[in-house]
């Protein structure tokens, strides 16, 4: 994706307004501008497609976390039968050869998402120093594999420091007591300030920074932060901005079930002039129905999507407009050497690909966070026939739809390759993008007035194709214009009004991961 600056994004936005048939000078006139009605102009999904993503938890370099987590969890929760598994029979390693095969297959199918790297997995060893049981050469090779094969398509996040024992960050050692109160999965059980939580999160982030891994967000281990949800959200913002200077810090903690919205939520938002600080809460929309965190559970890939992608949770989320974020745990891909989870996963992805290829867009977790932050923070001002985007954040692929009275639902334009444009369920058959008897005005298809304009409609065909290459797509509901998908947009330097607003948001309470 194009990495735009905020200034370039604003220029692209005003170029978009011109492309929608609006005044291009960006200068208010007459009555004071007001926020546009969402019934008239709305921000839609990126590139008019449903965001699709894969969040992988409990992953790290080489270590099979299920093998090392199980006895520690059993000691902290001795009454829990789920922790009485034959962990000694499980392999201690998930080999890099498997990680490379997984990454290569995902690359071939466009899969993107979030990939956890636990910095001190199960107290086995520090990834920026030593990993007992593996040579330093093996550890460095594994980190190199993550940087070269995983990081380009997946956002790297810590899942706190160990995912098991709480670390005394002053001493760098696990707490003496072993109980649920000193396990990251249920920490803290007493009140903590945002600063205290931020210091703990930053400790994990700095280890990954020492490994030359970039992070713009974090994953919480299970119930981490349940007793201090608002403080946790603010702590993520502080820690990620402090260690990596990320513009849009985000975190993954919640799983949305049923009819709840899977759209990311903005928390602790503060805007002052052109500066904005915020945290984005990016939830998943599924459970883990492969091998789960222990790699020992039955695989139920059909719960994500069945063989022809006509049923399943991801299918439902895509049909609803998403985002559709799939969750699973890395040991559940390897399944203690059987690879059952990986085989089920491939069936799910290929099924979705066969039916929803032109309706979905694979995205990293940070890309989803950035898009929905820009969607909420970009103000659309109207003054007569003029629209102005007032953006606090830059965002590639930003898509607007303007509905106009009189646009005909029967007009279903077709791309030059014959596929339906994003957001258009069925394309009209025919050799061209604009049929005879239609003409294009201001980014919209309109009926031509009289038979004498049939040739004019044909002449407009080349112009329509050029606009498509410039990132504009026409749907039956109106015009979808993509901001920031080409140099041509950035070349149009038209004035735009800067955003200025201050707000604070409440922290949401979706279902938490176990």
Protein backbone atom coordinates (compact mmCIF):
# COMPACT_ATOMS: atom_id res chain seq x y z
CA UNK A 1 0.00 0.00 0.00
CA UNK A 2 1.02 3.58 -0.64
CA UNK A 3 2.44 5.16 2.52
CA UNK A 4 1.03 8.67 2.39
CA UNK A 5 1.70 11.64 4.59
CA UNK A 6 -1.26 13.48 6.06
CA UNK A 7 -0.63 16.43 3.68
CA UNK A 8 -0.64 14.13 0.65
CA UNK A 9 -3.82 12.51 1.91
CA UNK A 10 -5.54 15.89 2.15
CA UNK A 11 -4.45 16.81 -1.36
CA UNK A 12 -5.74 13.48 -2.60
CA UNK A 13 -9.02 14.07 -0.81
CA UNK A 14 -9.67 17.36 -2.54
CA UNK A 15 -8.74 15.79 -5.86
CA UNK A 16 -11.35 13.17 -5.04
CA UNK A 17 -13.94 15.89 -4.49
CA UNK A 18 -13.15 17.23 -7.94
CA UNK A 19 -13.49 13.75 -9.39
CA UNK A 20 -16.95 13.45 -7.84
CA UNK A 21 -18.09 16.43 -9.82
CA UNK A 22 -17.71 18.94 -6.99
CA UNK A 23 -16.08 22.35 -6.90
CA UNK A 24 -12.32 21.91 -6.80
CA UNK A 25 -11.07 25.12 -5.24
CA UNK A 26 -11.87 24.10 -1.66
CA UNK A 27 -12.81 27.67 -0.74
CA UNK A 28 -16.01 27.99 1.30
CA UNK A 29 -18.58 30.44 0.02
CA UNK A 30 -22.02 31.48 1.17
CA UNK A 31 -23.30 29.64 4.23
CA UNK A 32 -20.87 28.11 6.69
CA UNK A 33 -20.03 24.49 5.78
CA UNK A 34 -21.61 21.72 7.81
CA UNK A 35 -20.93 18.01 8.26
CA UNK A 36 -22.36 16.05 5.37
CA UNK A 37 -25.21 13.66 6.01
CA UNK A 38 -24.19 10.01 5.98
CA UNK A 39 -27.17 9.42 3.73
CA UNK A 40 -25.54 11.65 1.15
CA UNK A 41 -21.80 10.95 1.48
CA UNK A 42 -20.33 8.09 3.46
CA UNK A 43 -16.93 6.53 4.02
CA UNK A 44 -17.11 2.89 3.01
CA UNK A 45 -14.74 -0.07 3.29
CA UNK A 46 -11.20 0.31 1.87
CA UNK A 47 -11.30 0.16 -1.92
CA UNK A 48 -14.97 -0.75 -1.56
CA UNK A 49 -14.07 -4.22 -0.25
CA UNK A 50 -14.54 -6.07 3.03
CA UNK A 51 -11.36 -6.12 5.17
CA UNK A 52 -10.17 -9.69 5.74
CA UNK A 53 -7.38 -10.54 8.17
CA UNK A 54 -5.78 -13.39 10.12
CA UNK A 55 -4.69 -12.89 13.73
CA UNK A 56 -2.21 -15.48 15.04
CA UNK A 57 -1.67 -15.75 18.80
CA UNK A 58 0.82 -17.67 20.99
CA UNK A 59 3.53 -17.63 18.33
CA UNK A 60 7.25 -16.97 18.73
CA UNK A 61 10.58 -18.18 17.39
CA UNK A 62 11.10 -21.98 17.47
CA UNK A 63 9.38 -22.60 20.83
CA UNK A 64 6.20 -24.72 20.85
CA UNK A 65 4.46 -22.58 23.45
CA UNK A 66 1.87 -25.27 24.23
CA UNK A 67 4.61 -27.61 25.47
CA UNK A 68 6.07 -24.99 27.84
CA UNK A 69 2.87 -23.18 28.85
CA UNK A 70 0.89 -26.18 30.00
CA UNK A 71 2.81 -27.11 33.20
CA UNK A 72 3.01 -23.45 34.28
CA UNK A 73 -0.73 -22.96 33.81
CA UNK A 74 -1.44 -26.21 35.67
CA UNK A 75 0.62 -25.01 38.64
CA UNK A 76 -1.21 -21.67 38.77
CA UNK A 77 -4.68 -23.22 38.30
CA UNK A 78 -4.38 -26.76 39.73
CA UNK A 79 -8.17 -27.25 39.73
CA UNK A 80 -8.53 -26.62 35.97
CA UNK A 81 -8.79 -29.93 34.11
CA UNK A 82 -8.02 -28.24 30.78
CA UNK A 83 -4.43 -27.86 31.93
CA UNK A 84 -3.96 -31.57 32.64
CA UNK A 85 -2.76 -32.55 29.20
CA UNK A 86 0.10 -34.91 28.22
CA UNK A 87 2.39 -31.98 27.42
CA UNK A 88 5.56 -34.06 27.86
CA UNK A 89 4.63 -36.04 24.75
CA UNK A 90 4.37 -32.90 22.64
CA UNK A 91 7.34 -31.56 20.65
CA UNK A 92 9.15 -28.63 22.23
CA UNK A 93 9.75 -26.98 18.86
CA UNK A 94 7.72 -25.73 15.92
CA UNK A 95 10.46 -25.81 13.28
CA UNK A 96 11.34 -22.90 11.04
CA UNK A 97 10.77 -25.12 8.03
CA UNK A 98 7.08 -25.19 8.93
CA UNK A 99 6.99 -21.42 9.45
CA UNK A 100 8.60 -20.88 6.04
CA UNK A 101 6.11 -23.22 4.34
CA UNK A 102 3.20 -21.46 6.05
CA UNK A 103 4.47 -18.00 5.11
CA UNK A 104 5.11 -19.01 1.51
CA UNK A 105 1.63 -20.48 1.08
CA UNK A 106 0.01 -17.40 2.63
CA UNK A 107 2.05 -15.15 0.35
CA UNK A 108 0.84 -17.03 -2.71
CA UNK A 109 -2.76 -16.48 -1.62
CA UNK A 110 -2.42 -12.90 -0.44
CA UNK A 111 -3.08 -13.63 3.24
CA UNK A 112 -2.16 -10.81 5.65
CA UNK A 113 -2.75 -10.11 9.31
CA UNK A 114 -1.11 -10.07 12.74
CA UNK A 115 1.58 -12.44 14.03
CA UNK A 116 2.56 -12.54 17.71
CA UNK A 117 6.20 -12.85 18.73
CA UNK A 118 6.40 -13.49 22.48
CA UNK A 119 9.69 -11.92 23.67
CA UNK A 120 10.43 -14.31 26.57
CA UNK A 121 8.18 -17.28 25.69
CA UNK A 122 7.16 -19.28 28.74
CA UNK A 123 10.34 -18.06 30.51
CA UNK A 124 12.38 -20.31 28.18
CA UNK A 125 14.77 -17.58 27.02
CA UNK A 126 15.09 -13.99 25.81
CA UNK A 127 14.79 -13.62 22.03
CA UNK A 128 17.27 -10.73 22.03
CA UNK A 129 19.85 -12.79 23.95
CA UNK A 130 19.71 -16.56 24.35
CA UNK A 131 17.14 -19.30 23.87
CA UNK A 132 18.27 -22.35 25.92
CA UNK A 133 17.82 -25.53 23.92
CA UNK A 134 18.76 -23.78 20.67
CA UNK A 135 22.05 -22.34 19.57
CA UNK A 136 22.49 -18.61 19.11
CA UNK A 137 22.91 -19.26 15.39
CA UNK A 138 19.53 -21.04 15.27
CA UNK A 139 17.85 -18.20 17.16
CA UNK A 140 19.30 -15.56 14.84
CA UNK A 141 18.27 -17.56 11.78
CA UNK A 142 14.73 -17.82 13.13
CA UNK A 143 14.53 -14.08 13.76
CA UNK A 144 15.85 -13.44 10.25
CA UNK A 145 13.09 -15.68 8.90
CA UNK A 146 10.47 -13.66 10.77
CA UNK A 147 11.87 -10.37 9.44
CA UNK A 148 12.06 -11.56 5.83
CA UNK A 149 9.05 -13.87 5.50
CA UNK A 150 6.54 -12.79 8.14
CA UNK A 151 7.00 -9.06 8.74
CA UNK A 152 6.29 -7.95 5.13
CA UNK A 153 2.72 -9.32 5.29
CA UNK A 154 2.01 -9.50 9.01
CA UNK A 155 2.19 -6.98 11.81
CA UNK A 156 4.43 -8.19 14.62
CA UNK A 157 3.15 -7.70 18.17
CA UNK A 158 4.29 -8.90 21.56
CA UNK A 159 1.82 -10.89 23.62
CA UNK A 160 3.31 -9.34 26.69
CA UNK A 161 6.62 -10.59 28.02
CA UNK A 162 6.19 -14.33 28.73
CA UNK A 163 2.45 -15.00 28.24
CA UNK A 164 2.74 -17.03 31.45
CA UNK A 165 4.59 -15.70 34.52
CA UNK A 166 4.51 -12.01 35.42
CA UNK A 167 7.99 -10.47 35.31
CA UNK A 168 9.39 -8.07 37.87
CA UNK A 169 10.67 -5.57 35.31
CA UNK A 170 13.08 -4.03 37.81
CA UNK A 171 14.85 -7.35 38.42
CA UNK A 172 14.09 -9.03 35.08
CA UNK A 173 12.92 -12.20 36.83
CA UNK A 174 9.51 -13.90 37.36
CA UNK A 175 7.64 -13.10 40.55
CA UNK A 176 8.39 -15.47 43.43
CA UNK A 177 4.78 -16.46 44.01
CA UNK A 178 3.11 -18.84 41.57
CA UNK A 179 -0.64 -18.26 41.43
CA UNK A 180 -3.30 -16.81 39.18
CA UNK A 181 -2.31 -13.37 40.52
CA UNK A 182 1.21 -13.70 39.05
CA UNK A 183 0.21 -15.03 35.62
CA UNK A 184 -0.03 -12.59 32.72
CA UNK A 185 -3.30 -14.19 31.60
CA UNK A 186 -5.05 -12.69 34.63
CA UNK A 187 -2.82 -9.72 35.48
CA UNK A 188 -3.35 -7.34 37.20
CA UNK A 189 -5.86 -8.35 39.86
CA UNK A 190 -5.50 -5.05 41.70
CA UNK A 191 -5.75 -1.50 40.46
CA UNK A 192 -2.91 -0.32 38.23
CA UNK A 193 -2.31 3.05 36.67
CA UNK A 194 -1.84 3.54 32.94
CA UNK A 195 1.79 4.44 33.59
CA UNK A 196 2.42 1.16 35.43
CA UNK A 197 0.87 -0.91 32.65
CA UNK A 198 2.69 1.14 30.01
CA UNK A 199 6.04 0.37 31.64
CA UNK A 200 5.28 -3.36 31.53
CA UNK A 201 4.16 -3.26 27.89
CA UNK A 202 7.16 -1.14 26.89
CA UNK A 203 9.48 -3.74 28.44
CA UNK A 204 8.10 -6.33 25.98
CA UNK A 205 8.27 -3.93 23.05
CA UNK A 206 11.91 -3.05 23.66
CA UNK A 207 12.94 -6.70 23.50
CA UNK A 208 11.38 -6.97 20.04
CA UNK A 209 12.99 -3.69 19.05
CA UNK A 210 16.35 -5.19 20.02
CA UNK A 211 15.51 -8.00 17.56
CA UNK A 212 14.96 -5.43 14.76
CA UNK A 213 11.24 -6.14 14.72
CA UNK A 214 8.92 -3.17 14.22
CA UNK A 215 5.67 -2.99 16.22
CA UNK A 216 2.74 -0.60 16.05
CA UNK A 217 0.46 -2.53 18.40
CA UNK A 218 0.23 -5.27 20.99
CA UNK A 219 -1.75 -8.43 21.72
CA UNK A 220 -2.94 -9.10 25.26
CA UNK A 221 -2.37 -12.60 26.69
CA UNK A 222 -5.88 -13.79 27.53
CA UNK A 223 -7.41 -11.71 30.31
CA UNK A 224 -4.47 -9.33 30.70
CA UNK A 225 -5.82 -5.96 31.79
CA UNK A 226 -9.36 -7.09 32.59
CA UNK A 227 -9.28 -5.23 35.90
CA UNK A 228 -8.06 -2.01 34.27
CA UNK A 229 -9.50 -1.82 30.76
CA UNK A 230 -9.43 1.92 30.30
CA UNK A 231 -5.95 2.16 31.80
CA UNK A 232 -4.78 -0.66 29.53
CA UNK A 233 -5.99 1.16 26.42
CA UNK A 234 -4.18 4.34 27.40
CA UNK A 235 -1.08 2.35 28.37
CA UNK A 236 -0.94 0.82 24.88
CA UNK A 237 -0.98 4.30 23.40
CA UNK A 238 1.80 5.50 25.68
CA UNK A 239 4.06 2.45 25.31
CA UNK A 240 3.79 2.00 21.54
CA UNK A 241 4.29 5.70 20.85
CA UNK A 242 7.23 5.83 23.27
CA UNK A 243 9.12 2.79 21.93
CA UNK A 244 8.23 2.87 18.23
CA UNK A 245 6.72 6.35 17.68
CA UNK A 246 3.73 4.72 15.99
CA UNK A 247 1.12 7.19 14.77
CA UNK A 248 -1.84 4.81 15.28
CA UNK A 249 -1.23 2.46 18.24
CA UNK A 250 -3.67 -0.45 18.43
CA UNK A 251 -4.28 -3.57 20.47
CA UNK A 252 -6.01 -6.92 20.07
CA UNK A 253 -7.84 -8.18 23.14
CA UNK A 254 -11.48 -8.82 22.32
CA UNK A 255 -13.47 -11.32 20.27
CA UNK A 256 -16.87 -10.21 19.00
CA UNK A 257 -19.56 -12.86 18.83
CA UNK A 258 -23.07 -12.99 17.38
CA UNK A 259 -24.49 -9.83 15.83
CA UNK A 260 -22.01 -7.44 17.47
CA UNK A 261 -20.04 -5.08 15.26
CA UNK A 262 -16.50 -6.15 14.38
CA UNK A 263 -15.49 -2.61 13.42
CA UNK A 264 -12.47 -1.29 15.36
CA UNK A 265 -13.19 1.24 18.08
CA UNK A 266 -11.28 4.41 18.82
CA UNK A 267 -10.34 4.99 22.45
CA UNK A 268 -8.65 7.84 24.33
CA UNK A 269 -8.81 10.14 21.31
CA UNK A 270 -7.36 13.60 21.59
CA UNK A 271 -6.94 15.99 18.67
CA UNK A 272 -5.20 19.33 18.86
CA UNK A 273 -4.71 21.10 15.55
CA UNK A 274 -2.96 18.71 13.18
CA UNK A 275 -1.87 16.39 15.99
CA UNK A 276 -3.91 13.38 17.11
CA UNK A 277 -3.35 10.80 19.81
CA UNK A 278 -5.52 7.71 20.05
CA UNK A 279 -5.67 3.97 20.63
CA UNK A 280 -7.53 1.64 18.29
CA UNK A 281 -9.20 -1.47 19.69
CA UNK A 282 -9.16 -4.02 16.83
CA UNK A 283 -11.28 -7.11 17.64
CA UNK A 284 -11.42 -10.53 16.00
CA UNK A 285 -14.71 -11.95 14.79
CA UNK A 286 -14.17 -15.70 15.28
CA UNK A 287 -13.05 -18.18 17.88
CA UNK A 288 -10.15 -20.58 17.32
CA UNK A 289 -11.60 -23.64 15.62
CA UNK A 290 -8.41 -25.26 14.42
CA UNK A 291 -6.15 -26.92 17.00
CA UNK A 292 -6.53 -24.14 19.59
CA UNK A 293 -3.71 -22.88 21.82
CA UNK A 294 -2.61 -26.36 22.86
CA UNK A 295 -2.61 -27.90 19.37
CA UNK A 296 -4.56 -30.81 20.84
CA UNK A 297 -8.16 -29.83 20.11
CA UNK A 298 -10.30 -31.13 17.21
CA UNK A 299 -10.15 -29.05 14.04
CA UNK A 300 -13.45 -27.54 12.89
CA UNK A 301 -12.50 -25.43 9.91
CA UNK A 302 -16.06 -25.48 8.58
CA UNK A 303 -17.04 -23.14 11.38
CA UNK A 304 -15.03 -20.41 9.60
CA UNK A 305 -16.29 -21.32 6.12
CA UNK A 306 -17.58 -24.54 4.58
CA UNK A 307 -16.25 -26.06 1.37
CA UNK A 308 -18.06 -23.70 -1.01
CA UNK A 309 -18.07 -20.69 1.36
CA UNK A 310 -21.85 -20.60 1.63
CA UNK A 311 -21.90 -20.91 5.42
CA UNK A 312 -19.64 -20.19 8.38
CA UNK A 313 -18.75 -17.29 10.65
CA UNK A 314 -16.41 -15.60 8.17
CA UNK A 315 -19.01 -15.90 5.44
CA UNK A 316 -21.54 -14.19 7.69
CA UNK A 317 -19.11 -11.38 8.52
CA UNK A 318 -18.25 -10.80 4.85
CA UNK A 319 -21.92 -10.72 3.87
CA UNK A 320 -22.51 -8.15 6.64
CA UNK A 321 -19.67 -5.96 5.36
CA UNK A 322 -17.03 -7.01 7.89
CA UNK A 323 -14.33 -6.59 8.94
CA UNK A 324 -13.84 -10.35 8.90
CA UNK A 325 -10.92 -11.15 11.23
CA UNK A 326 -10.04 -14.81 11.73
CA UNK A 327 -8.32 -15.91 14.95
CA UNK A 328 -6.18 -18.92 15.69
CA UNK A 329 -3.16 -19.92 17.78
CA UNK A 330 0.15 -20.94 16.25
CA UNK A 331 0.39 -24.32 18.04
CA UNK A 332 -3.01 -25.09 16.51
CA UNK A 333 -1.53 -24.81 13.03
CA UNK A 334 1.24 -27.29 13.75
CA UNK A 335 -0.94 -29.53 15.96
CA UNK A 336 2.09 -31.14 17.60
CA UNK A 337 3.47 -32.29 14.28
CA UNK A 338 0.28 -33.54 12.60
CA UNK A 339 -0.29 -30.19 10.77
CA UNK A 340 -4.04 -30.77 10.84
CA UNK A 341 -4.73 -27.13 11.55
CA UNK A 342 -2.67 -25.96 8.59
CA UNK A 343 -4.49 -28.28 6.20
CA UNK A 344 -7.87 -27.09 7.48
CA UNK A 345 -6.74 -23.49 7.23
CA UNK A 346 -5.81 -23.90 3.56
CA UNK A 347 -9.29 -25.25 2.80
CA UNK A 348 -10.90 -22.23 4.46
CA UNK A 349 -8.76 -19.69 2.59
CA UNK A 350 -9.26 -21.33 -0.81
CA UNK A 351 -13.01 -21.54 -0.22
CA UNK A 352 -13.20 -17.82 0.61
CA UNK A 353 -10.96 -17.04 -2.35
CA UNK A 354 -13.21 -18.89 -4.78
CA UNK A 355 -16.33 -16.97 -3.79
CA UNK A 356 -15.22 -13.64 -2.35
CA UNK A 357 -12.01 -12.81 -4.23
CA UNK A 358 -13.46 -9.59 -5.69
CA UNK A 359 -15.31 -8.57 -2.54
CA UNK A 360 -12.58 -8.82 0.10
CA UNK A 361 -9.20 -7.25 0.76
CA UNK A 362 -6.53 -8.93 2.91
CA UNK A 363 -5.10 -6.38 5.34
CA UNK A 364 -2.63 -6.18 8.21
CA UNK A 365 -3.99 -5.36 11.64
CA UNK A 366 -2.28 -1.93 11.52
CA UNK A 367 -3.87 -1.19 8.13
CA UNK A 368 -7.32 -1.97 9.53
CA UNK A 369 -6.63 0.19 12.58
CA UNK A 370 -5.40 3.09 10.45
CA UNK A 371 -8.32 2.91 8.04
CA UNK A 372 -11.02 2.93 10.68
CA UNK A 373 -9.23 5.67 12.60
CA UNK A 374 -9.16 7.81 9.46
CA UNK A 375 -12.79 6.91 8.78
CA UNK A 376 -13.86 8.25 12.17
CA UNK A 377 -11.56 11.26 12.31
CA UNK A 378 -11.92 12.55 8.75
CA UNK A 379 -14.55 15.27 8.68
CA UNK A 380 -16.49 15.71 5.47
CA UNK A 381 -17.70 19.28 5.05
CA UNK A 382 -20.29 20.34 2.51
CA UNK A 383 -20.92 23.79 1.09
CA UNK A 384 -23.34 23.59 -1.77
CA UNK A 385 -21.91 21.23 -4.37
CA UNK A 386 -18.49 21.26 -2.75
CA UNK A 387 -17.02 18.65 -0.41
CA UNK A 388 -13.83 19.04 1.60
CA UNK A 389 -12.04 16.31 3.53
CA UNK A 390 -10.54 17.47 6.82
CA UNK A 391 -8.19 14.69 7.85
CA UNK A 392 -6.10 14.25 10.98
CA UNK A 393 -4.55 11.01 9.66
CA UNK A 394 -3.29 9.85 6.28
CA UNK A 395 -4.77 6.66 4.91
CA UNK A 396 -4.28 4.87 1.56
CA UNK A 397 -7.26 3.36 -0.22
CA UNK A 398 -9.72 5.74 1.48
CA UNK A 399 -13.09 5.25 -0.20
CA UNK A 400 -16.15 7.49 -0.33
CA UNK A 401 -19.56 6.84 -1.79
CA UNK A 402 -21.85 9.67 -2.76
CA UNK A 403 -25.45 8.74 -3.49
CA UNK A 404 -27.24 10.94 -5.96
CA UNK A 405 -30.94 11.13 -6.65
CA UNK A 406 -31.77 9.84 -10.09
CA UNK A 407 -28.90 7.36 -10.40
CA UNK A 408 -30.31 4.22 -11.95
CA UNK A 409 -29.83 0.87 -10.22
CA UNK A 410 -29.97 -0.74 -13.64
CA UNK A 411 -26.62 0.81 -14.52
CA UNK A 412 -24.09 -1.83 -13.49
CA UNK A 413 -20.77 -0.89 -15.11
CA UNK A 414 -18.17 -3.48 -15.92
CA UNK A 415 -14.41 -3.23 -15.59
CA UNK A 416 -12.28 -3.78 -18.66
CA UNK A 417 -11.30 -7.24 -17.38
CA UNK A 418 -14.97 -8.21 -17.13
CA UNK A 419 -15.09 -8.44 -13.35
CA UNK A 420 -17.61 -6.53 -11.28
CA UNK A 421 -16.15 -3.46 -9.56
CA UNK A 422 -15.93 -3.62 -5.76
CA UNK A 423 -19.33 -2.95 -4.25
CA UNK A 424 -21.14 -3.87 -7.49
CA UNK A 425 -22.77 -7.31 -7.10
CA UNK A 426 -23.36 -7.93 -10.78
CA UNK A 427 -21.90 -6.27 -13.88
CA UNK A 428 -23.87 -5.56 -17.02
CA UNK A 429 -22.79 -7.63 -19.99
CA UNK A 430 -21.43 -5.74 -22.93
CA UNK A 431 -18.19 -4.82 -24.63
CA UNK A 432 -17.61 -1.49 -22.88
CA UNK A 433 -17.67 0.26 -19.55
CA UNK A 434 -20.25 2.83 -20.66
CA UNK A 435 -23.04 1.63 -22.85
CA UNK A 436 -24.45 3.63 -25.78
CA UNK A 437 -27.19 5.94 -24.56
CA UNK A 438 -25.29 6.81 -21.35
CA UNK A 439 -22.91 9.57 -20.60
CA UNK A 440 -20.62 10.35 -17.70
CA UNK A 441 -20.85 13.60 -15.76
CA UNK A 442 -18.97 14.42 -12.58
CA UNK A 443 -17.86 10.86 -11.84
CA UNK A 444 -21.38 9.41 -12.27
CA UNK A 445 -23.15 7.48 -14.99
CA UNK A 446 -26.24 9.34 -16.16
CA UNK A 447 -28.79 8.59 -18.90
CA UNK A 448 -28.06 10.44 -22.11
CA UNK A 449 -30.71 12.91 -23.21
CA UNK A 450 -32.00 11.76 -26.54
CA UNK A 451 -30.76 9.30 -29.11
CA UNK A 452 -28.40 11.84 -30.57
CA UNK A 453 -26.10 11.37 -27.56
CA UNK A 454 -25.45 7.68 -28.21
CA UNK A 455 -22.17 8.38 -29.96
CA UNK A 456 -21.19 10.72 -27.13
CA UNK A 457 -21.74 7.82 -24.73
CA UNK A 458 -19.34 5.70 -26.77
CA UNK A 459 -16.78 8.48 -26.80
CA UNK A 460 -16.94 8.61 -23.02
CA UNK A 461 -15.78 4.99 -22.83
CA UNK A 462 -12.08 5.83 -22.98
CA UNK A 463 -12.48 8.54 -20.36
CA UNK A 464 -14.25 6.08 -18.05
CA UNK A 465 -11.42 3.57 -18.39
CA UNK A 466 -8.90 6.29 -17.59
CA UNK A 467 -10.83 7.20 -14.44
CA UNK A 468 -10.87 3.56 -13.38
CA UNK A 469 -7.10 3.44 -13.63
CA UNK A 470 -7.05 6.54 -11.44
CA UNK A 471 -8.86 4.67 -8.70
CA UNK A 472 -12.52 5.57 -9.29
CA UNK A 473 -15.18 2.88 -9.38
CA UNK A 474 -18.88 3.34 -10.17
CA UNK A 475 -21.50 1.26 -8.38
CA UNK A 476 -25.28 1.17 -8.81
CA UNK A 477 -25.64 3.19 -5.59
CA UNK A 478 -23.34 5.99 -6.67
CA UNK A 479 -19.70 6.76 -7.10
CA UNK A 480 -16.93 5.13 -5.11
CA UNK A 481 -13.76 7.17 -5.27
CA UNK A 482 -10.49 5.86 -3.89
CA UNK A 483 -8.14 8.39 -2.30
CA UNK A 484 -4.41 7.85 -2.40
CA UNK A 485 -3.97 4.92 -4.77
CA UNK A 486 -1.86 6.68 -7.38
CA UNK A 487 0.58 9.51 -8.04
CA UNK A 488 -2.03 11.37 -10.11
CA UNK A 489 -4.01 12.13 -6.98
CA UNK A 490 -1.05 13.54 -5.12
CA UNK A 491 -0.24 15.80 -8.07
CA UNK A 492 -3.45 17.80 -7.54
CA UNK A 493 -2.49 20.35 -4.88
CA UNK A 494 -5.86 21.85 -3.98
CA UNK A 495 -6.30 23.63 -0.61
CA UNK A 496 -8.05 21.73 2.15
CA UNK A 497 -9.17 22.73 5.64
CA UNK A 498 -7.16 21.25 8.57
CA UNK A 499 -9.02 19.34 11.23
CA UNK A 500 -9.17 20.56 14.80
CA UNK A 501 -11.11 18.69 17.45
CA UNK A 502 -10.61 17.22 20.92
CA UNK A 503 -12.55 14.22 22.16
CA UNK A 504 -12.33 11.29 24.52
CA UNK A 505 -14.01 7.96 23.94
CA UNK A 506 -15.24 5.25 26.22
CA UNK A 507 -13.53 1.88 26.28
CA UNK A 508 -15.73 -0.89 24.88
CA UNK A 509 -16.52 -4.17 26.61
CA UNK A 510 -16.73 -6.92 24.03
CA UNK A 511 -16.22 -10.54 24.92
CA UNK A 512 -12.71 -11.23 26.17
CA UNK A 513 -10.47 -14.03 25.01
CA UNK A 514 -9.79 -16.80 27.45
